[in-house]
Structure formats: structure tokens, C-alpha cells
Amino acid sequence: EIECDPHCCKKATKTNRNTVCANKHLFDSSKSSTYVKEWTVAYGTGSAKGFQGKDTVRFGDIGTNPLTVPGCTFGQATHLASFF
């Protein structure tokens, strides 16, 4: 069960100030050809939880030779406490 605002969970480009996605950059795994969902984890005492994924991460402007990190593991939150 995903515990977040339905608009940001559907990869919306606009977010409401009161949602867990407010003022955060959203990752859209469906736009990646290298993304792999690995497992589900919970952090701390329930203040934040989600799952980890793996994808190729690129740093740099479009049209340049970016720094590329294949197989980079990162967390994706499905629930965040308001203090985050």
C-alpha cells in the first residue's frame, strides 16, 4: 500500500504544498530503460519508509559527456513524516 498523496504517486509534475512530494524532485522510474526495483525496506520507527531501486545515474547537462554511475542504488519514499 502506498501512503502518499495520489497526485505525486502518479508522477505529477505539479505538487501541493501540503503533500509529501512538495518541494522535492520526483523520480519517474517508468521513463528509465535501466531501472530495476529491488526490494522493500522500512526506515527507523516508521517516520519514513519506502523501497530501494537501482538505476544508472548521470550528472551533467544534456548534450555534454556526463559522469555516469551505472547500478546506483537509491531509496524511494512512499511515506515521509512532515519534518522531512
PDB file of N, CA and C in Angstrom:
ATOM      1  N   GLU A   1       0.846  -1.182   0.000  1.00  0.00           N
ATOM      2  CA  GLU A   1       0.000   0.000   0.000  1.00  0.00           C
ATOM      3  C   GLU A   1       0.886   1.237   0.000  1.00  0.00           C
ATOM      4  N   ILE A   2       0.650   2.146  -0.920  1.00  0.00           N
ATOM      5  CA  ILE A   2       1.413   3.388  -0.987  1.00  0.00           C
ATOM      6  C   ILE A   2       0.707   4.440  -0.156  1.00  0.00           C
ATOM      7  N   GLU A   3       1.445   5.034   0.782  1.00  0.00           N
ATOM      8  CA  GLU A   3       0.863   6.013   1.691  1.00  0.00           C
ATOM      9  C   GLU A   3       1.348   7.416   1.346  1.00  0.00           C
ATOM     10  N   CYS A   4       0.920   7.923   0.227  1.00  0.00           N
ATOM     11  CA  CYS A   4       1.279   9.287  -0.131  1.00  0.00           C
ATOM     12  C   CYS A   4       0.155   9.902  -0.949  1.00  0.00           C
ATOM     13  N   ASP A   5       0.267  11.185  -1.185  1.00  0.00           N
ATOM     14  CA  ASP A   5      -0.731  11.896  -1.960  1.00  0.00           C
ATOM     15  C   ASP A   5      -0.856  11.249  -3.336  1.00  0.00           C
ATOM     16  N   PRO A   6      -2.067  10.923  -3.771  1.00  0.00           N
ATOM     17  CA  PRO A   6      -2.237  10.250  -5.069  1.00  0.00           C
ATOM     18  C   PRO A   6      -1.649  11.020  -6.246  1.00  0.00           C
ATOM     19  N   HIS A   7      -1.619  12.354  -6.166  1.00  0.00           N
ATOM     20  CA  HIS A   7      -1.097  13.144  -7.283  1.00  0.00           C
ATOM     21  C   HIS A   7       0.404  12.958  -7.453  1.00  0.00           C
ATOM     22  N   CYS A   8       1.156  12.952  -6.342  1.00  0.00           N
ATOM     23  CA  CYS A   8       2.599  12.785  -6.500  1.00  0.00           C
ATOM     24  C   CYS A   8       2.962  11.324  -6.716  1.00  0.00           C
ATOM     25  N   CYS A   9       2.148  10.417  -6.258  1.00  0.00           N
ATOM     26  CA  CYS A   9       2.414   8.997  -6.506  1.00  0.00           C
ATOM     27  C   CYS A   9       2.171   8.634  -7.965  1.00  0.00           C
ATOM     28  N   LYS A  10       1.397   9.436  -8.666  1.00  0.00           N
ATOM     29  CA  LYS A  10       1.154   9.200 -10.092  1.00  0.00           C
ATOM     30  C   LYS A  10       2.123  10.002 -10.949  1.00  0.00           C
ATOM     31  N   LYS A  11       3.208  10.448 -10.338  1.00  0.00           N
ATOM     32  CA  LYS A  11       4.283  11.149 -11.033  1.00  0.00           C
ATOM     33  C   LYS A  11       3.837  12.486 -11.627  1.00  0.00           C
ATOM     34  N   ALA A  12       3.017  13.218 -10.876  1.00  0.00           N
ATOM     35  CA  ALA A  12       2.561  14.525 -11.344  1.00  0.00           C
ATOM     36  C   ALA A  12       3.722  15.505 -11.391  1.00  0.00           C
ATOM     37  N   THR A  13       3.673  16.474 -12.302  1.00  0.00           N
ATOM     38  CA  THR A  13       4.724  17.480 -12.373  1.00  0.00           C
ATOM     39  C   THR A  13       4.472  18.623 -11.405  1.00  0.00           C
ATOM     40  N   LYS A  14       3.218  18.829 -10.996  1.00  0.00           N
ATOM     41  CA  LYS A  14       2.891  19.850 -10.000  1.00  0.00           C
ATOM     42  C   LYS A  14       2.541  19.154  -8.694  1.00  0.00           C
ATOM     43  N   THR A  15       2.978  19.728  -7.579  1.00  0.00           N
ATOM     44  CA  THR A  15       2.630  19.147  -6.289  1.00  0.00           C
ATOM     45  C   THR A  15       2.023  20.203  -5.381  1.00  0.00           C
ATOM     46  N   ASN A  16       1.184  19.759  -4.486  1.00  0.00           N
ATOM     47  CA  ASN A  16       0.555  20.612  -3.492  1.00  0.00           C
ATOM     48  C   ASN A  16       1.544  20.852  -2.360  1.00  0.00           C
ATOM     49  N   ARG A  17       1.567  22.057  -1.772  1.00  0.00           N
ATOM     50  CA  ARG A  17       2.491  22.366  -0.682  1.00  0.00           C
ATOM     51  C   ARG A  17       2.327  21.423   0.503  1.00  0.00           C
ATOM     52  N   ASN A  18       1.155  20.833   0.664  1.00  0.00           N
ATOM     53  CA  ASN A  18       0.886  20.004   1.827  1.00  0.00           C
ATOM     54  C   ASN A  18       1.121  18.515   1.584  1.00  0.00           C
ATOM     55  N   THR A  19       1.669  18.139   0.457  1.00  0.00           N
ATOM     56  CA  THR A  19       1.894  16.721   0.177  1.00  0.00           C
ATOM     57  C   THR A  19       3.322  16.329   0.537  1.00  0.00           C
ATOM     58  N   VAL A  20       3.552  15.024   0.633  1.00  0.00           N
ATOM     59  CA  VAL A  20       4.905  14.544   0.917  1.00  0.00           C
ATOM     60  C   VAL A  20       5.865  14.851  -0.224  1.00  0.00           C
ATOM     61  N   CYS A  21       5.342  15.149  -1.397  1.00  0.00           N
ATOM     62  CA  CYS A  21       6.191  15.432  -2.552  1.00  0.00           C
ATOM     63  C   CYS A  21       6.487  16.924  -2.726  1.00  0.00           C
ATOM     64  N   ALA A  22       5.908  17.770  -1.885  1.00  0.00           N
ATOM     65  CA  ALA A  22       6.075  19.215  -2.039  1.00  0.00           C
ATOM     66  C   ALA A  22       7.554  19.597  -1.983  1.00  0.00           C
ATOM     67  N   ASN A  23       7.989  20.437  -2.900  1.00  0.00           N
ATOM     68  CA  ASN A  23       9.348  20.970  -2.971  1.00  0.00           C
ATOM     69  C   ASN A  23      10.417  19.895  -3.131  1.00  0.00           C
ATOM     70  N   LYS A  24      10.065  18.769  -3.704  1.00  0.00           N
ATOM     71  CA  LYS A  24      11.030  17.704  -3.923  1.00  0.00           C
ATOM     72  C   LYS A  24      11.019  17.323  -5.403  1.00  0.00           C
ATOM     73  N   HIS A  25      12.178  16.921  -5.900  1.00  0.00           N
ATOM     74  CA  HIS A  25      12.265  16.445  -7.275  1.00  0.00           C
ATOM     75  C   HIS A  25      11.755  15.012  -7.310  1.00  0.00           C
ATOM     76  N   LEU A  26      10.907  14.697  -8.253  1.00  0.00           N
ATOM     77  CA  LEU A  26      10.316  13.372  -8.339  1.00  0.00           C
ATOM     78  C   LEU A  26      11.034  12.529  -9.386  1.00  0.00           C
ATOM     79  N   PHE A  27      11.239  11.269  -9.067  1.00  0.00           N
ATOM     80  CA  PHE A  27      11.865  10.324  -9.982  1.00  0.00           C
ATOM     81  C   PHE A  27      10.771   9.486 -10.621  1.00  0.00           C
ATOM     82  N   ASP A  28      10.794   9.373 -11.929  1.00  0.00           N
ATOM     83  CA  ASP A  28       9.793   8.593 -12.650  1.00  0.00           C
ATOM     84  C   ASP A  28      10.469   7.355 -13.236  1.00  0.00           C
ATOM     85  N   SER A  29      10.341   6.231 -12.530  1.00  0.00           N
ATOM     86  CA  SER A  29      11.023   5.011 -12.964  1.00  0.00           C
ATOM     87  C   SER A  29      10.531   4.509 -14.318  1.00  0.00           C
ATOM     88  N   SER A  30       9.318   4.881 -14.705  1.00  0.00           N
ATOM     89  CA  SER A  30       8.791   4.409 -15.991  1.00  0.00           C
ATOM     90  C   SER A  30       9.500   5.054 -17.182  1.00  0.00           C
ATOM     91  N   LYS A  31      10.230   6.142 -16.951  1.00  0.00           N
ATOM     92  CA  LYS A  31      10.949   6.817 -18.033  1.00  0.00           C
ATOM     93  C   LYS A  31      12.382   6.308 -18.184  1.00  0.00           C
ATOM     94  N   SER A  32      12.748   5.305 -17.389  1.00  0.00           N
ATOM     95  CA  SER A  32      14.108   4.789 -17.424  1.00  0.00           C
ATOM     96  C   SER A  32      14.151   3.413 -18.077  1.00  0.00           C
ATOM     97  N   SER A  33      15.142   3.210 -18.927  1.00  0.00           N
ATOM     98  CA  SER A  33      15.313   1.893 -19.550  1.00  0.00           C
ATOM     99  C   SER A  33      16.231   0.990 -18.730  1.00  0.00           C
ATOM    100  N   THR A  34      16.857   1.528 -17.664  1.00  0.00           N
ATOM    101  CA  THR A  34      17.799   0.741 -16.867  1.00  0.00           C
ATOM    102  C   THR A  34      17.354   0.526 -15.425  1.00  0.00           C
ATOM    103  N   TYR A  35      16.229   1.088 -15.019  1.00  0.00           N
ATOM    104  CA  TYR A  35      15.755   0.994 -13.636  1.00  0.00           C
ATOM    105  C   TYR A  35      15.324  -0.423 -13.278  1.00  0.00           C
ATOM    106  N   VAL A  36      15.704  -0.869 -12.067  1.00  0.00           N
ATOM    107  CA  VAL A  36      15.286  -2.167 -11.548  1.00  0.00           C
ATOM    108  C   VAL A  36      14.853  -1.988 -10.099  1.00  0.00           C
ATOM    109  N   LYS A  37      13.606  -2.344  -9.783  1.00  0.00           N
ATOM    110  CA  LYS A  37      13.129  -2.298  -8.403  1.00  0.00           C
ATOM    111  C   LYS A  37      13.664  -3.537  -7.698  1.00  0.00           C
ATOM    112  N   GLU A  38      14.323  -3.363  -6.538  1.00  0.00           N
ATOM    113  CA  GLU A  38      14.967  -4.490  -5.889  1.00  0.00           C
ATOM    114  C   GLU A  38      14.202  -5.061  -4.703  1.00  0.00           C
ATOM    115  N   TRP A  39      13.862  -4.265  -3.701  1.00  0.00           N
ATOM    116  CA  TRP A  39      13.187  -4.774  -2.515  1.00  0.00           C
ATOM    117  C   TRP A  39      12.522  -3.648  -1.756  1.00  0.00           C
ATOM    118  N   THR A  40      11.761  -4.004  -0.737  1.00  0.00           N
ATOM    119  CA  THR A  40      11.070  -3.030   0.096  1.00  0.00           C
ATOM    120  C   THR A  40      11.741  -2.973   1.459  1.00  0.00           C
ATOM    121  N   VAL A  41      11.919  -1.756   2.005  1.00  0.00           N
ATOM    122  CA  VAL A  41      12.524  -1.571   3.327  1.00  0.00           C
ATOM    123  C   VAL A  41      11.735  -0.543   4.117  1.00  0.00           C
ATOM    124  N   ALA A  42      11.866  -0.579   5.431  1.00  0.00           N
ATOM    125  CA  ALA A  42      11.288   0.443   6.305  1.00  0.00           C
ATOM    126  C   ALA A  42      12.423   1.076   7.087  1.00  0.00           C
ATOM    127  N   TYR A  43      12.376   2.398   7.292  1.00  0.00           N
ATOM    128  CA  TYR A  43      13.429   3.122   7.985  1.00  0.00           C
ATOM    129  C   TYR A  43      12.953   3.585   9.348  1.00  0.00           C
ATOM    130  N   GLY A  44      13.809   3.461  10.350  1.00  0.00           N
ATOM    131  CA  GLY A  44      13.522   3.996  11.674  1.00  0.00           C
ATOM    132  C   GLY A  44      12.273   3.413  12.289  1.00  0.00           C
ATOM    133  N   THR A  45      11.517   4.278  12.945  1.00  0.00           N
ATOM    134  CA  THR A  45      10.305   3.849  13.650  1.00  0.00           C
ATOM    135  C   THR A  45       9.059   4.178  12.851  1.00  0.00           C
ATOM    136  N   GLY A  46       9.155   4.218  11.571  1.00  0.00           N
ATOM    137  CA  GLY A  46       8.012   4.488  10.716  1.00  0.00           C
ATOM    138  C   GLY A  46       7.925   5.928  10.265  1.00  0.00           C
ATOM    139  N   SER A  47       8.934   6.733  10.600  1.00  0.00           N
ATOM    140  CA  SER A  47       8.911   8.135  10.197  1.00  0.00           C
ATOM    141  C   SER A  47       9.121   8.301   8.695  1.00  0.00           C
ATOM    142  N   ALA A  48       9.782   7.349   8.108  1.00  0.00           N
ATOM    143  CA  ALA A  48       9.958   7.338   6.653  1.00  0.00           C
ATOM    144  C   ALA A  48      10.046   5.884   6.226  1.00  0.00           C
ATOM    145  N   LYS A  49       9.384   5.560   5.140  1.00  0.00           N
ATOM    146  CA  LYS A  49       9.506   4.200   4.624  1.00  0.00           C
ATOM    147  C   LYS A  49       9.347   4.200   3.122  1.00  0.00           C
ATOM    148  N   GLY A  50       9.771   3.143   2.518  1.00  0.00           N
ATOM    149  CA  GLY A  50       9.699   3.063   1.068  1.00  0.00           C
ATOM    150  C   GLY A  50      10.405   1.838   0.560  1.00  0.00           C
ATOM    151  N   PHE A  51      11.032   1.981  -0.591  1.00  0.00           N
ATOM    152  CA  PHE A  51      11.735   0.864  -1.199  1.00  0.00           C
ATOM    153  C   PHE A  51      12.982   1.385  -1.873  1.00  0.00           C
ATOM    154  N   GLN A  52      13.876   0.481  -2.186  1.00  0.00           N
ATOM    155  CA  GLN A  52      15.100   0.854  -2.873  1.00  0.00           C
ATOM    156  C   GLN A  52      15.031   0.399  -4.317  1.00  0.00           C
ATOM    157  N   GLY A  53      15.678   1.170  -5.153  1.00  0.00           N
ATOM    158  CA  GLY A  53      15.749   0.831  -6.561  1.00  0.00           C
ATOM    159  C   GLY A  53      17.172   0.979  -7.058  1.00  0.00           C
ATOM    160  N   LYS A  54      17.405   0.517  -8.246  1.00  0.00           N
ATOM    161  CA  LYS A  54      18.729   0.606  -8.849  1.00  0.00           C
ATOM    162  C   LYS A  54      18.560   1.128 -10.265  1.00  0.00           C
ATOM    163  N   ASP A  55      19.411   2.098 -10.641  1.00  0.00           N
ATOM    164  CA  ASP A  55      19.351   2.661 -11.981  1.00  0.00           C
ATOM    165  C   ASP A  55      20.704   3.265 -12.319  1.00  0.00           C
ATOM    166  N   THR A  56      20.887   3.637 -13.561  1.00  0.00           N
ATOM    167  CA  THR A  56      22.061   4.380 -13.992  1.00  0.00           C
ATOM    168  C   THR A  56      21.800   5.856 -13.731  1.00  0.00           C
ATOM    169  N   VAL A  57      22.729   6.518 -13.032  1.00  0.00           N
ATOM    170  CA  VAL A  57      22.589   7.938 -12.704  1.00  0.00           C
ATOM    171  C   VAL A  57      23.620   8.718 -13.512  1.00  0.00           C
ATOM    172  N   ARG A  58      23.166   9.819 -14.117  1.00  0.00           N
ATOM    173  CA  ARG A  58      24.057  10.656 -14.915  1.00  0.00           C
ATOM    174  C   ARG A  58      24.059  12.072 -14.358  1.00  0.00           C
ATOM    175  N   PHE A  59      25.272  12.650 -14.210  1.00  0.00           N
ATOM    176  CA  PHE A  59      25.434  14.015 -13.727  1.00  0.00           C
ATOM    177  C   PHE A  59      26.003  14.854 -14.861  1.00  0.00           C
ATOM    178  N   GLY A  60      25.285  15.914 -15.251  1.00  0.00           N
ATOM    179  CA  GLY A  60      25.760  16.782 -16.316  1.00  0.00           C
ATOM    180  C   GLY A  60      24.626  17.265 -17.185  1.00  0.00           C
ATOM    181  N   ASP A  61      24.906  18.297 -17.961  1.00  0.00           N
ATOM    182  CA  ASP A  61      23.902  18.877 -18.839  1.00  0.00           C
ATOM    183  C   ASP A  61      23.665  17.992 -20.058  1.00  0.00           C
ATOM    184  N   ILE A  62      22.466  18.116 -20.623  1.00  0.00           N
ATOM    185  CA  ILE A  62      22.137  17.420 -21.863  1.00  0.00           C
ATOM    186  C   ILE A  62      23.077  17.912 -22.955  1.00  0.00           C
ATOM    187  N   GLY A  63      23.579  17.012 -23.750  1.00  0.00           N
ATOM    188  CA  GLY A  63      24.484  17.388 -24.833  1.00  0.00           C
ATOM    189  C   GLY A  63      25.947  17.391 -24.424  1.00  0.00           C
ATOM    190  N   THR A  64      26.235  17.083 -23.141  1.00  0.00           N
ATOM    191  CA  THR A  64      27.623  17.017 -22.686  1.00  0.00           C
ATOM    192  C   THR A  64      27.978  15.558 -22.430  1.00  0.00           C
ATOM    193  N   ASN A  65      29.218  15.320 -22.060  1.00  0.00           N
ATOM    194  CA  ASN A  65      29.660  13.979 -21.696  1.00  0.00           C
ATOM    195  C   ASN A  65      29.505  13.846 -20.177  1.00  0.00           C
ATOM    196  N   PRO A  66      28.356  13.345 -19.689  1.00  0.00           N
ATOM    197  CA  PRO A  66      28.097  13.344 -18.253  1.00  0.00           C
ATOM    198  C   PRO A  66      28.870  12.257 -17.505  1.00  0.00           C
ATOM    199  N   LEU A  67      29.079  12.499 -16.208  1.00  0.00           N
ATOM    200  CA  LEU A  67      29.587  11.460 -15.320  1.00  0.00           C
ATOM    201  C   LEU A  67      28.470  10.429 -15.189  1.00  0.00           C
ATOM    202  N   THR A  68      28.742   9.171 -15.486  1.00  0.00           N
ATOM    203  CA  THR A  68      27.729   8.116 -15.479  1.00  0.00           C
ATOM    204  C   THR A  68      28.073   7.083 -14.416  1.00  0.00           C
ATOM    205  N   VAL A  69      27.095   6.793 -13.548  1.00  0.00           N
ATOM    206  CA  VAL A  69      27.267   5.802 -12.487  1.00  0.00           C
ATOM    207  C   VAL A  69      26.235   4.696 -12.701  1.00  0.00           C
ATOM    208  N   PRO A  70      26.613   3.590 -13.334  1.00  0.00           N
ATOM    209  CA  PRO A  70      25.653   2.504 -13.544  1.00  0.00           C
ATOM    210  C   PRO A  70      25.423   1.725 -12.253  1.00  0.00           C
ATOM    211  N   GLY A  71      24.232   1.178 -12.094  1.00  0.00           N
ATOM    212  CA  GLY A  71      23.932   0.335 -10.944  1.00  0.00           C
ATOM    213  C   GLY A  71      23.900   1.061  -9.622  1.00  0.00           C
ATOM    214  N   CYS A  72      23.498   2.322  -9.610  1.00  0.00           N
ATOM    215  CA  CYS A  72      23.441   3.129  -8.390  1.00  0.00           C
ATOM    216  C   CYS A  72      22.155   2.788  -7.615  1.00  0.00           C
ATOM    217  N   THR A  73      22.294   2.375  -6.350  1.00  0.00           N
ATOM    218  CA  THR A  73      21.137   2.052  -5.518  1.00  0.00           C
ATOM    219  C   THR A  73      20.706   3.298  -4.756  1.00  0.00           C
ATOM    220  N   PHE A  74      19.403   3.559  -4.715  1.00  0.00           N
ATOM    221  CA  PHE A  74      18.873   4.726  -4.011  1.00  0.00           C
ATOM    222  C   PHE A  74      17.506   4.398  -3.448  1.00  0.00           C
ATOM    223  N   GLY A  75      17.096   5.142  -2.423  1.00  0.00           N
ATOM    224  CA  GLY A  75      15.805   4.929  -1.786  1.00  0.00           C
ATOM    225  C   GLY A  75      14.725   5.788  -2.407  1.00  0.00           C
ATOM    226  N   GLN A  76      13.508   5.253  -2.448  1.00  0.00           N
ATOM    227  CA  GLN A  76      12.337   5.988  -2.919  1.00  0.00           C
ATOM    228  C   GLN A  76      11.285   5.907  -1.825  1.00  0.00           C
ATOM    229  N   ALA A  77      10.883   7.052  -1.298  1.00  0.00           N
ATOM    230  CA  ALA A  77       9.944   7.089  -0.179  1.00  0.00           C
ATOM    231  C   ALA A  77       8.502   6.955  -0.653  1.00  0.00           C
ATOM    232  N   THR A  78       7.746   6.140   0.069  1.00  0.00           N
ATOM    233  CA  THR A  78       6.303   6.049  -0.146  1.00  0.00           C
ATOM    234  C   THR A  78       5.561   6.741   0.982  1.00  0.00           C
ATOM    235  N   HIS A  79       6.264   7.036   2.086  1.00  0.00           N
ATOM    236  CA  HIS A  79       5.688   7.767   3.219  1.00  0.00           C
ATOM    237  C   HIS A  79       6.805   8.551   3.887  1.00  0.00           C
ATOM    238  N   LEU A  80       6.596   9.852   4.122  1.00  0.00           N
ATOM    239  CA  LEU A  80       7.554  10.704   4.821  1.00  0.00           C
ATOM    240  C   LEU A  80       6.837  11.480   5.909  1.00  0.00           C
ATOM    241  N   ALA A  81       7.460  11.583   7.087  1.00  0.00           N
ATOM    242  CA  ALA A  81       6.923  12.436   8.138  1.00  0.00           C
ATOM    243  C   ALA A  81       7.049  13.890   7.697  1.00  0.00           C
ATOM    244  N   SER A  82       6.207  14.751   8.226  1.00  0.00           N
ATOM    245  CA  SER A  82       6.170  16.151   7.778  1.00  0.00           C
ATOM    246  C   SER A  82       7.469  16.895   8.040  1.00  0.00           C
ATOM    247  N   PHE A  83       8.297  16.473   9.010  1.00  0.00           N
ATOM    248  CA  PHE A  83       9.539  17.190   9.314  1.00  0.00           C
ATOM    249  C   PHE A  83      10.628  16.970   8.271  1.00  0.00           C
ATOM    250  N   PHE A  84      10.418  16.057   7.329  1.00  0.00           N
ATOM    251  CA  PHE A  84      11.373  15.883   6.248  1.00  0.00           C
ATOM    252  C   PHE A  84      11.176  16.975   5.243  1.00  0.00           C
TER     253      PHE A  84
END
